[in-house]
Amino acid sequence: MSNAQPHSIDAVQDLLQNANYVADRSLATVLFLSLKMGRPLFLEGEAGVGKTEIAKVLAEQLGRPLIRLQCYEGLDVSSAVYEWDYARQMIEIRLAEATETADRDRLSSDIFSEKFLIKRPLLKALESTVGGAPVLLIDELDRTDEPFEAFLLEMLSDFQVTIPEFGTIKAKEPPIVVITSNRTREIHDALKRRCLYHWVDYPNAEREKEIIARKLPGVDARLSEQIVRFIQELRKDPNLFKLPGVAETLDWTNALKELDIISLDPDVINDTLGVLLKYQDDIVKIQGSEAAEIIGKINAEIDAR
């Protein structure tokens, strides 16, 4: 893969298509601008719509290493940025104390040198690599808390990290940064202002069929049509706790393919709903008469064409 960045929006679309990622032009445009301007890209949307995959595709197609920071509640600097190797530092101190000629000033400087520094994802992302700056994926930022967001401001503004005992480490070449959020809470405006923003929505029916065709070639055309129409109908239901994303579409399609299913019917749907829906209340609501009504309507529309 080439390390050169795409020179146009069309080139970005080609890059995504080469990795079988089906995107609309608005996403390709903001991605091109993010690469061209050197600005972090903030992607927001429901879980399973393909936000994380964008960072993976960029790393693969541009030949860059992917550094992923998976966010969670309680994430702190020691897990995300750096920490000192305290065990090795203590050994170094004990060895120095055993030597009568120990230089305390030199020892103090030495134990806070780079060889005792454990680099976590954010600090690793500031390092240059042979193929160019890495792709930094900060995944599901909404799972963290506001103090961690505040720490990210220096990183996203100046692509540098300040370590009190060591100094400031600045990237020679800024990493390509992709931040994702499932919007379980609002991210602070100060962080968003440092990024270009894009809402990644559920695909329409035609794009979802194209995704299936690219990701799972060989699926029967009628089955693909039934799957997409069924899922599109589910996404219209405001009473479902968790709507199925593209990831669930592909999982369900693959499961049906493994079972050698060539056409959807109520029994098949009832037996496999656990692949598509992840909450028991949602499954209970859809299985049985609801599933039969939806697939009956879909089959009538397909047969009428």
C-alpha atoms as a PDB file:
ATOM      1  CA  MET A   1       0.000   0.000   0.000  1.00  0.00           C
ATOM      2  CA  SER A   2       1.142   3.552  -0.727  1.00  0.00           C
ATOM      3  CA  ASN A   3       2.149   5.869   2.114  1.00  0.00           C
ATOM      4  CA  ALA A   4       1.099   8.902   0.051  1.00  0.00           C
ATOM      5  CA  GLN A   5      -2.134  10.574   1.082  1.00  0.00           C
ATOM      6  CA  PRO A   6      -4.967  10.841  -1.476  1.00  0.00           C
ATOM      7  CA  HIS A   7      -4.878  14.069  -3.472  1.00  0.00           C
ATOM      8  CA  SER A   8      -8.634  14.433  -4.092  1.00  0.00           C
ATOM      9  CA  ILE A   9     -12.075  13.450  -2.800  1.00  0.00           C
ATOM     10  CA  ASP A  10     -12.395  10.924  -5.628  1.00  0.00           C
ATOM     11  CA  ALA A  11      -9.072   9.401  -4.566  1.00  0.00           C
ATOM     12  CA  VAL A  12     -10.409   9.035  -1.013  1.00  0.00           C
ATOM     13  CA  GLN A  13     -13.504   7.267  -2.342  1.00  0.00           C
ATOM     14  CA  ASP A  14     -11.271   4.936  -4.357  1.00  0.00           C
ATOM     15  CA  LEU A  15      -9.167   4.272  -1.260  1.00  0.00           C
ATOM     16  CA  LEU A  16     -12.257   3.319   0.738  1.00  0.00           C
ATOM     17  CA  GLN A  17     -13.670   1.167  -2.060  1.00  0.00           C
ATOM     18  CA  ASN A  18     -10.366  -0.675  -2.421  1.00  0.00           C
ATOM     19  CA  ALA A  19     -10.897  -1.834   1.162  1.00  0.00           C
ATOM     20  CA  ASN A  20     -14.568  -2.684   0.458  1.00  0.00           C
ATOM     21  CA  TYR A  21     -15.762   0.218   2.609  1.00  0.00           C
ATOM     22  CA  VAL A  22     -18.899   1.708   1.042  1.00  0.00           C
ATOM     23  CA  ALA A  23     -19.104   5.421   1.853  1.00  0.00           C
ATOM     24  CA  ASP A  24     -21.096   8.388   0.588  1.00  0.00           C
ATOM     25  CA  ARG A  25     -19.379  11.466  -0.822  1.00  0.00           C
ATOM     26  CA  SER A  26     -19.928  13.572   2.305  1.00  0.00           C
ATOM     27  CA  LEU A  27     -17.833  11.158   4.372  1.00  0.00           C
ATOM     28  CA  ALA A  28     -15.142  11.017   1.679  1.00  0.00           C
ATOM     29  CA  THR A  29     -15.083  14.829   1.622  1.00  0.00           C
ATOM     30  CA  VAL A  30     -14.585  15.315   5.363  1.00  0.00           C
ATOM     31  CA  LEU A  31     -11.998  12.535   5.399  1.00  0.00           C
ATOM     32  CA  PHE A  32     -10.081  14.218   2.574  1.00  0.00           C
ATOM     33  CA  LEU A  33     -10.186  17.553   4.415  1.00  0.00           C
ATOM     34  CA  SER A  34      -9.000  15.934   7.634  1.00  0.00           C
ATOM     35  CA  LEU A  35      -5.981  14.447   5.847  1.00  0.00           C
ATOM     36  CA  LYS A  36      -5.273  17.614   3.849  1.00  0.00           C
ATOM     37  CA  MET A  37      -5.562  20.007   6.804  1.00  0.00           C
ATOM     38  CA  GLY A  38      -3.941  17.730   9.371  1.00  0.00           C
ATOM     39  CA  ARG A  39      -6.975  17.976  11.658  1.00  0.00           C
ATOM     40  CA  PRO A  40      -8.382  15.183  13.839  1.00  0.00           C
ATOM     41  CA  LEU A  41     -11.598  13.632  12.538  1.00  0.00           C
ATOM     42  CA  PHE A  42     -14.424  13.249  15.055  1.00  0.00           C
ATOM     43  CA  LEU A  43     -16.927  10.571  13.999  1.00  0.00           C
ATOM     44  CA  GLU A  44     -20.199  10.271  15.865  1.00  0.00           C
ATOM     45  CA  GLY A  45     -23.041   7.828  15.314  1.00  0.00           C
ATOM     46  CA  GLU A  46     -24.810   4.754  16.596  1.00  0.00           C
ATOM     47  CA  ALA A  47     -22.801   1.662  17.478  1.00  0.00           C
ATOM     48  CA  GLY A  48     -22.067  -0.658  14.573  1.00  0.00           C
ATOM     49  CA  VAL A  49     -22.309   1.839  11.695  1.00  0.00           C
ATOM     50  CA  GLY A  50     -18.625   1.569  10.676  1.00  0.00           C
ATOM     51  CA  LYS A  51     -16.854   4.402  12.518  1.00  0.00           C
ATOM     52  CA  THR A  52     -13.966   2.314  13.849  1.00  0.00           C
ATOM     53  CA  GLU A  53     -13.534   0.613  10.492  1.00  0.00           C
ATOM     54  CA  ILE A  54     -12.625   3.935   8.868  1.00  0.00           C
ATOM     55  CA  ALA A  55      -9.438   4.196  10.945  1.00  0.00           C
ATOM     56  CA  LYS A  56      -8.542   0.584  10.144  1.00  0.00           C
ATOM     57  CA  VAL A  57      -9.054   1.188   6.426  1.00  0.00           C
ATOM     58  CA  LEU A  58      -6.898   4.331   6.502  1.00  0.00           C
ATOM     59  CA  ALA A  59      -4.040   2.510   8.233  1.00  0.00           C
ATOM     60  CA  GLU A  60      -4.242  -0.425   5.830  1.00  0.00           C
ATOM     61  CA  GLN A  61      -4.543   1.602   2.635  1.00  0.00           C
ATOM     62  CA  LEU A  62      -1.931   4.213   3.556  1.00  0.00           C
ATOM     63  CA  GLY A  63       0.515   1.632   4.876  1.00  0.00           C
ATOM     64  CA  ARG A  64       0.628   3.233   8.326  1.00  0.00           C
ATOM     65  CA  PRO A  65       0.672   1.514  11.730  1.00  0.00           C
ATOM     66  CA  LEU A  66      -2.643   1.661  13.586  1.00  0.00           C
ATOM     67  CA  ILE A  67      -2.455   2.680  17.242  1.00  0.00           C
ATOM     68  CA  ARG A  68      -5.744   2.136  19.035  1.00  0.00           C
ATOM     69  CA  LEU A  69      -6.788   3.583  22.373  1.00  0.00           C
ATOM     70  CA  GLN A  70      -9.952   1.812  23.496  1.00  0.00           C
ATOM     71  CA  CYS A  71     -11.690   4.152  25.918  1.00  0.00           C
ATOM     72  CA  TYR A  72     -13.513   3.084  29.064  1.00  0.00           C
ATOM     73  CA  GLU A  73     -14.809   4.589  32.291  1.00  0.00           C
ATOM     74  CA  GLY A  74     -11.909   5.481  34.583  1.00  0.00           C
ATOM     75  CA  LEU A  75      -9.296   5.679  31.813  1.00  0.00           C
ATOM     76  CA  ASP A  76      -6.403   7.794  33.076  1.00  0.00           C
ATOM     77  CA  VAL A  77      -3.040   9.167  31.948  1.00  0.00           C
ATOM     78  CA  SER A  78      -1.080   6.128  33.150  1.00  0.00           C
ATOM     79  CA  SER A  79      -3.112   3.822  30.902  1.00  0.00           C
ATOM     80  CA  ALA A  80      -3.494   6.171  27.931  1.00  0.00           C
ATOM     81  CA  VAL A  81      -0.252   8.169  27.771  1.00  0.00           C
ATOM     82  CA  TYR A  82       2.637   6.990  29.923  1.00  0.00           C
ATOM     83  CA  GLU A  83       3.797   5.704  33.259  1.00  0.00           C
ATOM     84  CA  TRP A  84       7.167   5.183  34.884  1.00  0.00           C
ATOM     85  CA  ASP A  85       8.603   1.693  35.341  1.00  0.00           C
ATOM     86  CA  TYR A  86       8.692   1.945  39.121  1.00  0.00           C
ATOM     87  CA  ALA A  87      10.108  -1.555  39.661  1.00  0.00           C
ATOM     88  CA  ARG A  88      13.147  -0.867  37.475  1.00  0.00           C
ATOM     89  CA  GLN A  89      13.582   2.578  39.022  1.00  0.00           C
ATOM     90  CA  MET A  90      13.682   1.037  42.511  1.00  0.00           C
ATOM     91  CA  ILE A  91      16.269  -1.513  41.409  1.00  0.00           C
ATOM     92  CA  GLU A  92      18.376   1.300  39.949  1.00  0.00           C
ATOM     93  CA  ILE A  93      18.143   3.244  43.209  1.00  0.00           C
ATOM     94  CA  ARG A  94      19.086   0.218  45.322  1.00  0.00           C
ATOM     95  CA  LEU A  95      22.092  -0.518  43.109  1.00  0.00           C
ATOM     96  CA  ALA A  96      23.202   3.109  43.355  1.00  0.00           C
ATOM     97  CA  GLU A  97      22.824   3.132  47.124  1.00  0.00           C
ATOM     98  CA  ALA A  98      25.050   0.070  47.321  1.00  0.00           C
ATOM     99  CA  THR A  99      27.809   2.090  45.660  1.00  0.00           C
ATOM    100  CA  GLU A 100      29.528   4.522  47.993  1.00  0.00           C
ATOM    101  CA  THR A 101      30.344   6.911  45.163  1.00  0.00           C
ATOM    102  CA  ALA A 102      26.732   7.315  44.095  1.00  0.00           C
ATOM    103  CA  ASP A 103      25.961  10.707  42.556  1.00  0.00           C
ATOM    104  CA  ARG A 104      22.496  11.648  43.800  1.00  0.00           C
ATOM    105  CA  ASP A 105      21.973  14.378  41.195  1.00  0.00           C
ATOM    106  CA  ARG A 106      22.939  12.070  38.352  1.00  0.00           C
ATOM    107  CA  LEU A 107      20.753   9.300  39.798  1.00  0.00           C
ATOM    108  CA  SER A 108      17.744  11.609  40.042  1.00  0.00           C
ATOM    109  CA  SER A 109      18.187  12.577  36.395  1.00  0.00           C
ATOM    110  CA  ASP A 110      18.807   9.010  35.240  1.00  0.00           C
ATOM    111  CA  ILE A 111      15.775   7.328  36.793  1.00  0.00           C
ATOM    112  CA  PHE A 112      13.486   9.745  34.944  1.00  0.00           C
ATOM    113  CA  SER A 113      15.111   9.110  31.581  1.00  0.00           C
ATOM    114  CA  GLU A 114      13.490   7.534  28.538  1.00  0.00           C
ATOM    115  CA  LYS A 115      14.687   4.016  29.332  1.00  0.00           C
ATOM    116  CA  PHE A 116      12.351   3.951  32.367  1.00  0.00           C
ATOM    117  CA  LEU A 117       9.406   5.452  30.475  1.00  0.00           C
ATOM    118  CA  ILE A 118       6.581   3.058  29.552  1.00  0.00           C
ATOM    119  CA  LYS A 119       4.852   4.474  26.492  1.00  0.00           C
ATOM    120  CA  ARG A 120       1.118   4.028  26.155  1.00  0.00           C
ATOM    121  CA  PRO A 121      -0.931   4.580  22.936  1.00  0.00           C
ATOM    122  CA  LEU A 122      -1.084   8.403  22.933  1.00  0.00           C
ATOM    123  CA  LEU A 123       2.650   8.764  23.489  1.00  0.00           C
ATOM    124  CA  LYS A 124       3.455   6.070  20.910  1.00  0.00           C
ATOM    125  CA  ALA A 125       1.350   7.970  18.378  1.00  0.00           C
ATOM    126  CA  LEU A 126       3.767  10.913  18.585  1.00  0.00           C
ATOM    127  CA  GLU A 127       6.695   8.796  17.411  1.00  0.00           C
ATOM    128  CA  SER A 128       7.773   8.806  13.785  1.00  0.00           C
ATOM    129  CA  THR A 129       7.795   5.526  11.877  1.00  0.00           C
ATOM    130  CA  VAL A 130       9.441   4.437   8.647  1.00  0.00           C
ATOM    131  CA  GLY A 131       6.161   4.632   6.716  1.00  0.00           C
ATOM    132  CA  GLY A 132       5.128   8.000   8.122  1.00  0.00           C
ATOM    133  CA  ALA A 133       3.011   9.121  11.046  1.00  0.00           C
ATOM    134  CA  PRO A 134       0.701   6.425  12.436  1.00  0.00           C
ATOM    135  CA  VAL A 135      -3.088   6.405  12.454  1.00  0.00           C
ATOM    136  CA  LEU A 136      -4.286   7.053  16.009  1.00  0.00           C
ATOM    137  CA  LEU A 137      -7.757   5.701  16.779  1.00  0.00           C
ATOM    138  CA  ILE A 138      -9.325   7.034  19.992  1.00  0.00           C
ATOM    139  CA  ASP A 139     -12.302   4.707  20.110  1.00  0.00           C
ATOM    140  CA  GLU A 140     -15.567   5.386  21.975  1.00  0.00           C
ATOM    141  CA  LEU A 141     -14.412   8.586  23.682  1.00  0.00           C
ATOM    142  CA  ASP A 142     -17.873   9.015  25.214  1.00  0.00           C
ATOM    143  CA  ARG A 143     -17.065   6.156  27.615  1.00  0.00           C
ATOM    144  CA  THR A 144     -14.437   8.264  29.406  1.00  0.00           C
ATOM    145  CA  ASP A 145     -14.992  11.225  31.726  1.00  0.00           C
ATOM    146  CA  GLU A 146     -14.463  14.978  31.294  1.00  0.00           C
ATOM    147  CA  PRO A 147     -11.020  15.178  33.001  1.00  0.00           C
ATOM    148  CA  PHE A 148      -9.599  12.834  30.363  1.00  0.00           C
ATOM    149  CA  GLU A 149     -11.172  14.952  27.620  1.00  0.00           C
ATOM    150  CA  ALA A 150      -9.415  17.980  29.104  1.00  0.00           C
ATOM    151  CA  PHE A 151      -6.084  16.184  28.955  1.00  0.00           C
ATOM    152  CA  LEU A 152      -6.622  15.459  25.261  1.00  0.00           C
ATOM    153  CA  LEU A 153      -6.829  19.166  24.410  1.00  0.00           C
ATOM    154  CA  GLU A 154      -3.038  19.657  24.400  1.00  0.00           C
ATOM    155  CA  MET A 155      -2.591  16.474  22.398  1.00  0.00           C
ATOM    156  CA  LEU A 156      -5.109  17.470  19.724  1.00  0.00           C
ATOM    157  CA  SER A 157      -4.043  21.128  19.506  1.00  0.00           C
ATOM    158  CA  ASP A 158      -0.264  20.825  19.365  1.00  0.00           C
ATOM    159  CA  PHE A 159       0.297  17.059  19.019  1.00  0.00           C
ATOM    160  CA  GLN A 160       2.473  17.070  22.096  1.00  0.00           C
ATOM    161  CA  VAL A 161       2.462  15.636  25.604  1.00  0.00           C
ATOM    162  CA  THR A 162       4.039  17.224  28.666  1.00  0.00           C
ATOM    163  CA  ILE A 163       5.569  14.885  31.251  1.00  0.00           C
ATOM    164  CA  PRO A 164       6.482  16.840  34.409  1.00  0.00           C
ATOM    165  CA  GLU A 165       9.610  14.807  35.255  1.00  0.00           C
ATOM    166  CA  PHE A 166      10.786  14.521  31.653  1.00  0.00           C
ATOM    167  CA  GLY A 167       9.641  17.481  29.580  1.00  0.00           C
ATOM    168  CA  THR A 168       7.511  18.017  26.498  1.00  0.00           C
ATOM    169  CA  ILE A 169       7.430  15.429  23.711  1.00  0.00           C
ATOM    170  CA  LYS A 170       6.190  16.792  20.371  1.00  0.00           C
ATOM    171  CA  ALA A 171       5.464  14.863  17.194  1.00  0.00           C
ATOM    172  CA  LYS A 172       7.763  15.619  14.261  1.00  0.00           C
ATOM    173  CA  GLU A 173       4.894  14.627  11.978  1.00  0.00           C
ATOM    174  CA  PRO A 174       1.352  14.767  13.442  1.00  0.00           C
ATOM    175  CA  PRO A 175      -0.468  11.431  13.493  1.00  0.00           C
ATOM    176  CA  ILE A 176      -3.682  10.892  11.547  1.00  0.00           C
ATOM    177  CA  VAL A 177      -6.271  11.044  14.338  1.00  0.00           C
ATOM    178  CA  VAL A 178      -9.729   9.450  14.229  1.00  0.00           C
ATOM    179  CA  ILE A 179     -11.968   9.846  17.283  1.00  0.00           C
ATOM    180  CA  THR A 180     -15.242   7.938  17.586  1.00  0.00           C
ATOM    181  CA  SER A 181     -18.237   8.378  19.865  1.00  0.00           C
ATOM    182  CA  ASN A 182     -21.500   6.440  20.187  1.00  0.00           C
ATOM    183  CA  ARG A 183     -23.039   9.567  21.756  1.00  0.00           C
ATOM    184  CA  THR A 184     -23.923   7.964  25.078  1.00  0.00           C
ATOM    185  CA  ARG A 185     -23.027  11.426  26.418  1.00  0.00           C
ATOM    186  CA  GLU A 186     -22.101  14.775  24.884  1.00  0.00           C
ATOM    187  CA  ILE A 187     -18.425  15.512  24.224  1.00  0.00           C
ATOM    188  CA  HIS A 188     -17.228  18.970  25.317  1.00  0.00           C
ATOM    189  CA  ASP A 189     -17.232  21.735  22.699  1.00  0.00           C
ATOM    190  CA  ALA A 190     -13.563  22.543  23.380  1.00  0.00           C
ATOM    191  CA  LEU A 191     -12.549  19.131  22.079  1.00  0.00           C
ATOM    192  CA  LYS A 192     -14.930  19.172  19.123  1.00  0.00           C
ATOM    193  CA  ARG A 193     -13.588  22.542  17.989  1.00  0.00           C
ATOM    194  CA  ARG A 194     -10.187  20.954  17.464  1.00  0.00           C
ATOM    195  CA  CYS A 195     -11.665  18.400  15.061  1.00  0.00           C
ATOM    196  CA  LEU A 196     -13.583  18.100  11.833  1.00  0.00           C
ATOM    197  CA  TYR A 197     -16.958  16.514  12.532  1.00  0.00           C
ATOM    198  CA  HIS A 198     -19.055  13.934  10.706  1.00  0.00           C
ATOM    199  CA  TRP A 199     -22.182  12.036  11.724  1.00  0.00           C
ATOM    200  CA  VAL A 200     -22.036   8.445  10.451  1.00  0.00           C
ATOM    201  CA  ASP A 201     -25.622   7.363   9.879  1.00  0.00           C
ATOM    202  CA  TYR A 202     -27.205   4.026   9.062  1.00  0.00           C
ATOM    203  CA  PRO A 203     -26.899   3.310   5.325  1.00  0.00           C
ATOM    204  CA  ASN A 204     -29.906   3.397   3.047  1.00  0.00           C
ATOM    205  CA  ALA A 205     -31.123   0.139   1.501  1.00  0.00           C
ATOM    206  CA  GLU A 206     -29.089   0.362  -1.701  1.00  0.00           C
ATOM    207  CA  ARG A 207     -25.847   1.116   0.117  1.00  0.00           C
ATOM    208  CA  GLU A 208     -26.472  -1.648   2.639  1.00  0.00           C
ATOM    209  CA  LYS A 209     -26.995  -4.169  -0.170  1.00  0.00           C
ATOM    210  CA  GLU A 210     -23.722  -3.010  -1.708  1.00  0.00           C
ATOM    211  CA  ILE A 211     -21.985  -3.505   1.648  1.00  0.00           C
ATOM    212  CA  ILE A 212     -23.243  -7.094   1.795  1.00  0.00           C
ATOM    213  CA  ALA A 213     -22.165  -7.717  -1.793  1.00  0.00           C
ATOM    214  CA  ARG A 214     -18.650  -6.433  -1.089  1.00  0.00           C
ATOM    215  CA  LYS A 215     -18.142  -7.989   2.332  1.00  0.00           C
ATOM    216  CA  LEU A 216     -19.926 -11.297   1.751  1.00  0.00           C
ATOM    217  CA  PRO A 217     -19.854 -12.093  -1.965  1.00  0.00           C
ATOM    218  CA  GLY A 218     -21.960 -14.995  -3.135  1.00  0.00           C
ATOM    219  CA  VAL A 219     -25.071 -14.249  -1.047  1.00  0.00           C
ATOM    220  CA  ASP A 220     -28.259 -14.875  -3.065  1.00  0.00           C
ATOM    221  CA  ALA A 221     -29.699 -11.623  -4.414  1.00  0.00           C
ATOM    222  CA  ARG A 222     -33.211 -12.314  -3.100  1.00  0.00           C
ATOM    223  CA  LEU A 223     -31.903 -13.207   0.356  1.00  0.00           C
ATOM    224  CA  SER A 224     -29.806 -10.044   0.425  1.00  0.00           C
ATOM    225  CA  GLU A 225     -32.877  -8.019  -0.540  1.00  0.00           C
ATOM    226  CA  GLN A 226     -34.950  -9.655   2.211  1.00  0.00           C
ATOM    227  CA  ILE A 227     -32.260  -9.110   4.851  1.00  0.00           C
ATOM    228  CA  VAL A 228     -31.789  -5.437   4.040  1.00  0.00           C
ATOM    229  CA  ARG A 229     -35.498  -4.681   3.829  1.00  0.00           C
ATOM    230  CA  PHE A 230     -36.165  -6.495   7.114  1.00  0.00           C
ATOM    231  CA  ILE A 231     -33.415  -4.586   8.930  1.00  0.00           C
ATOM    232  CA  GLN A 232     -34.513  -1.289   7.398  1.00  0.00           C
ATOM    233  CA  GLU A 233     -38.013  -1.947   8.775  1.00  0.00           C
ATOM    234  CA  LEU A 234     -36.601  -2.680  12.251  1.00  0.00           C
ATOM    235  CA  ARG A 235     -34.739   0.625  12.242  1.00  0.00           C
ATOM    236  CA  LYS A 236     -38.063   2.436  11.841  1.00  0.00           C
ATOM    237  CA  ASP A 237     -39.300   1.013  15.162  1.00  0.00           C
ATOM    238  CA  PRO A 238     -38.841   3.643  17.908  1.00  0.00           C
ATOM    239  CA  ASN A 239     -39.599   1.100  20.635  1.00  0.00           C
ATOM    240  CA  LEU A 240     -36.545  -1.082  20.090  1.00  0.00           C
ATOM    241  CA  PHE A 241     -33.873  -0.552  22.732  1.00  0.00           C
ATOM    242  CA  LYS A 242     -30.956  -1.097  20.307  1.00  0.00           C
ATOM    243  CA  LEU A 243     -31.380  -0.853  16.552  1.00  0.00           C
ATOM    244  CA  PRO A 244     -29.226  -3.231  14.494  1.00  0.00           C
ATOM    245  CA  GLY A 245     -26.185  -1.625  12.869  1.00  0.00           C
ATOM    246  CA  VAL A 246     -24.238  -2.619   9.777  1.00  0.00           C
ATOM    247  CA  ALA A 247     -22.118  -4.953  11.904  1.00  0.00           C
ATOM    248  CA  GLU A 248     -25.271  -6.876  12.859  1.00  0.00           C
ATOM    249  CA  THR A 249     -26.409  -6.906   9.225  1.00  0.00           C
ATOM    250  CA  LEU A 250     -23.180  -8.628   8.217  1.00  0.00           C
ATOM    251  CA  ASP A 251     -23.275 -11.006  11.197  1.00  0.00           C
ATOM    252  CA  TRP A 252     -26.848 -12.048  10.413  1.00  0.00           C
ATOM    253  CA  THR A 253     -26.131 -12.454   6.704  1.00  0.00           C
ATOM    254  CA  ASN A 254     -23.087 -14.581   7.471  1.00  0.00           C
ATOM    255  CA  ALA A 255     -25.067 -16.707   9.936  1.00  0.00           C
ATOM    256  CA  LEU A 256     -27.818 -17.322   7.368  1.00  0.00           C
ATOM    257  CA  LYS A 257     -25.168 -18.183   4.798  1.00  0.00           C
ATOM    258  CA  GLU A 258     -23.610 -20.726   7.189  1.00  0.00           C
ATOM    259  CA  LEU A 259     -27.055 -22.300   7.689  1.00  0.00           C
ATOM    260  CA  ASP A 260     -27.530 -22.545   3.889  1.00  0.00           C
ATOM    261  CA  ILE A 261     -30.663 -20.385   4.086  1.00  0.00           C
ATOM    262  CA  ILE A 262     -31.771 -19.159   0.666  1.00  0.00           C
ATOM    263  CA  SER A 263     -34.928 -17.292   1.702  1.00  0.00           C
ATOM    264  CA  LEU A 264     -36.268 -15.710   4.882  1.00  0.00           C
ATOM    265  CA  ASP A 265     -39.423 -16.982   6.544  1.00  0.00           C
ATOM    266  CA  PRO A 266     -40.861 -16.416  10.043  1.00  0.00           C
ATOM    267  CA  ASP A 267     -39.321 -19.597  11.485  1.00  0.00           C
ATOM    268  CA  VAL A 268     -35.817 -18.743  10.228  1.00  0.00           C
ATOM    269  CA  ILE A 269     -36.131 -15.221  11.602  1.00  0.00           C
ATOM    270  CA  ASN A 270     -37.321 -16.421  15.023  1.00  0.00           C
ATOM    271  CA  ASP A 271     -34.464 -18.928  15.255  1.00  0.00           C
ATOM    272  CA  THR A 272     -31.742 -16.409  14.380  1.00  0.00           C
ATOM    273  CA  LEU A 273     -32.932 -13.152  15.962  1.00  0.00           C
ATOM    274  CA  GLY A 274     -30.245 -13.484  18.631  1.00  0.00           C
ATOM    275  CA  VAL A 275     -27.635 -12.752  15.965  1.00  0.00           C
ATOM    276  CA  LEU A 276     -29.410  -9.553  14.936  1.00  0.00           C
ATOM    277  CA  LEU A 277     -30.823  -8.182  18.204  1.00  0.00           C
ATOM    278  CA  LYS A 278     -28.892  -8.104  21.472  1.00  0.00           C
ATOM    279  CA  TYR A 279     -31.616  -7.446  24.063  1.00  0.00           C
ATOM    280  CA  GLN A 280     -34.237  -9.973  25.144  1.00  0.00           C
ATOM    281  CA  ASP A 281     -37.023  -7.377  25.246  1.00  0.00           C
ATOM    282  CA  ASP A 282     -36.312  -6.498  21.602  1.00  0.00           C
ATOM    283  CA  ILE A 283     -36.303 -10.165  20.583  1.00  0.00           C
ATOM    284  CA  VAL A 284     -39.612 -10.833  22.354  1.00  0.00           C
ATOM    285  CA  LYS A 285     -41.172  -7.812  20.652  1.00  0.00           C
ATOM    286  CA  ILE A 286     -40.147  -8.857  17.128  1.00  0.00           C
ATOM    287  CA  GLN A 287     -40.375 -12.638  17.137  1.00  0.00           C
ATOM    288  CA  GLY A 288     -43.601 -14.390  16.264  1.00  0.00           C
ATOM    289  CA  SER A 289     -46.424 -12.376  14.693  1.00  0.00           C
ATOM    290  CA  GLU A 290     -44.371  -9.172  14.281  1.00  0.00           C
ATOM    291  CA  ALA A 291     -41.628 -10.961  12.323  1.00  0.00           C
ATOM    292  CA  ALA A 292     -44.236 -12.809  10.227  1.00  0.00           C
ATOM    293  CA  GLU A 293     -46.015  -9.571   9.370  1.00  0.00           C
ATOM    294  CA  ILE A 294     -42.798  -7.778   8.368  1.00  0.00           C
ATOM    295  CA  ILE A 295     -41.423 -10.585   6.181  1.00  0.00           C
ATOM    296  CA  GLY A 296     -44.844 -11.196   4.637  1.00  0.00           C
ATOM    297  CA  LYS A 297     -45.031  -7.556   3.579  1.00  0.00           C
ATOM    298  CA  ILE A 298     -41.456  -7.656   2.230  1.00  0.00           C
ATOM    299  CA  ASN A 299     -42.016 -10.832   0.195  1.00  0.00           C
ATOM    300  CA  ALA A 300     -45.225  -9.418  -1.287  1.00  0.00           C
ATOM    301  CA  GLU A 301     -43.386  -6.282  -2.390  1.00  0.00           C
ATOM    302  CA  ILE A 302     -40.495  -8.259  -3.896  1.00  0.00           C
ATOM    303  CA  ASP A 303     -42.834 -10.660  -5.756  1.00  0.00           C
ATOM    304  CA  ALA A 304     -44.917  -7.763  -7.087  1.00  0.00           C
ATOM    305  CA  ARG A 305     -41.963  -6.227  -8.931  1.00  0.00           C
END
